[in-house]
Amino acid sequence: MTFTDSTMFSVGPNTEIVVDKYVFDPNANNVSFTANIAKGTLQFISGKIAKLSPDAVKINIPTGTIAVRSTRFLVEVGRPSP
């Protein structure tokens, strides 16, 4: 997926992800990106939102939150160990 601010992400098979909030209105200084990934893989490449307001981009995973600071990353969320 490519968003209007040029944020891009790809998900692997059987990935469960929800984009909770996406706002890109830089003229009104209103930008935000929040997503939750429950399981699977995600490759994320930040766009203009992370450059304009690094604190406005968050990817929540079951064990915490990834705060995005103008970067790219790959995350895999699996089942907890027994």
Protein backbone atom coordinates (compact mmCIF):
# COMPACT_ATOMS: atom_id res chain seq x y z
CA MET A 1 0.00 0.00 0.00
CA THR A 2 1.11 3.54 -0.66
CA PHE A 3 -0.54 6.38 1.22
CA THR A 4 -0.93 9.96 0.02
CA ASP A 5 2.05 11.12 2.11
CA SER A 6 4.24 8.44 0.41
CA THR A 7 4.25 6.13 3.44
CA MET A 8 4.46 2.58 2.10
CA PHE A 9 3.92 -0.79 3.65
CA SER A 10 3.73 -4.38 2.53
CA VAL A 11 2.23 -7.22 4.51
CA GLY A 12 2.96 -10.92 4.36
CA PRO A 13 0.44 -13.74 4.12
CA ASN A 14 -2.01 -14.15 7.03
CA THR A 15 -1.05 -10.78 8.47
CA GLU A 16 -3.62 -9.07 10.65
CA ILE A 17 -3.18 -5.29 10.61
CA VAL A 18 -5.55 -2.40 11.18
CA VAL A 19 -4.82 1.22 10.29
CA ASP A 20 -6.54 2.99 13.18
CA LYS A 21 -5.80 6.53 12.14
CA TYR A 22 -4.48 8.22 9.03
CA VAL A 23 -4.60 11.99 8.69
CA PHE A 24 -2.51 13.93 6.20
CA ASP A 25 -3.39 17.61 6.10
CA PRO A 26 -0.01 19.35 6.36
CA ASN A 27 -1.49 22.78 5.56
CA ALA A 28 -3.50 22.57 8.79
CA ASN A 29 -0.55 21.01 10.66
CA ASN A 30 -2.69 17.89 11.15
CA VAL A 31 -0.81 14.65 10.46
CA SER A 32 -1.08 11.24 12.12
CA PHE A 33 -0.55 7.56 11.36
CA THR A 34 -1.38 4.78 13.82
CA ALA A 35 -1.66 1.08 13.03
CA ASN A 36 -1.95 -2.14 15.03
CA ILE A 37 -0.44 -5.42 13.86
CA ALA A 38 -1.70 -8.52 15.67
CA LYS A 39 0.25 -11.13 13.71
CA GLY A 40 2.27 -11.56 10.56
CA THR A 41 4.93 -9.50 8.84
CA LEU A 42 5.09 -5.85 7.91
CA GLN A 43 7.64 -3.91 5.93
CA PHE A 44 7.23 -0.19 6.59
CA ILE A 45 8.80 2.78 4.81
CA SER A 46 7.95 6.12 6.35
CA GLY A 47 6.66 9.03 4.32
CA LYS A 48 6.10 12.74 4.85
CA ILE A 49 4.18 12.36 8.12
CA ALA A 50 7.28 10.98 9.86
CA LYS A 51 9.40 13.78 8.43
CA LEU A 52 6.94 16.52 9.45
CA SER A 53 6.08 15.12 12.89
CA PRO A 54 8.04 12.03 13.98
CA ASP A 55 5.90 11.56 17.11
CA ALA A 56 2.78 11.27 14.94
CA VAL A 57 3.65 7.80 13.56
CA LYS A 58 3.18 4.71 15.72
CA ILE A 59 2.92 1.02 14.92
CA ASN A 60 1.51 -0.97 17.84
CA ILE A 61 2.52 -4.61 18.27
CA PRO A 62 1.35 -6.99 21.02
CA THR A 63 4.46 -6.37 23.13
CA GLY A 64 4.83 -2.61 22.68
CA THR A 65 4.91 0.26 20.22
CA ILE A 66 7.32 1.04 17.41
CA ALA A 67 7.87 4.80 17.24
CA VAL A 68 8.82 5.68 13.69
CA ARG A 69 11.51 8.30 13.17
CA SER A 70 11.78 8.68 9.39
CA THR A 71 12.94 5.18 8.64
CA ARG A 72 12.20 1.78 7.18
CA PHE A 73 11.86 -1.47 9.06
CA LEU A 74 10.58 -5.03 8.90
CA VAL A 75 8.71 -6.55 11.83
CA GLU A 76 7.42 -10.06 12.36
CA VAL A 77 4.76 -10.68 14.98
CA GLY A 78 4.26 -14.36 15.79
CA ARG A 79 2.63 -16.51 18.37
CA PRO A 80 3.94 -16.23 21.91
CA SER A 81 6.18 -19.07 23.03
CA PRO A 82 4.46 -21.68 25.23
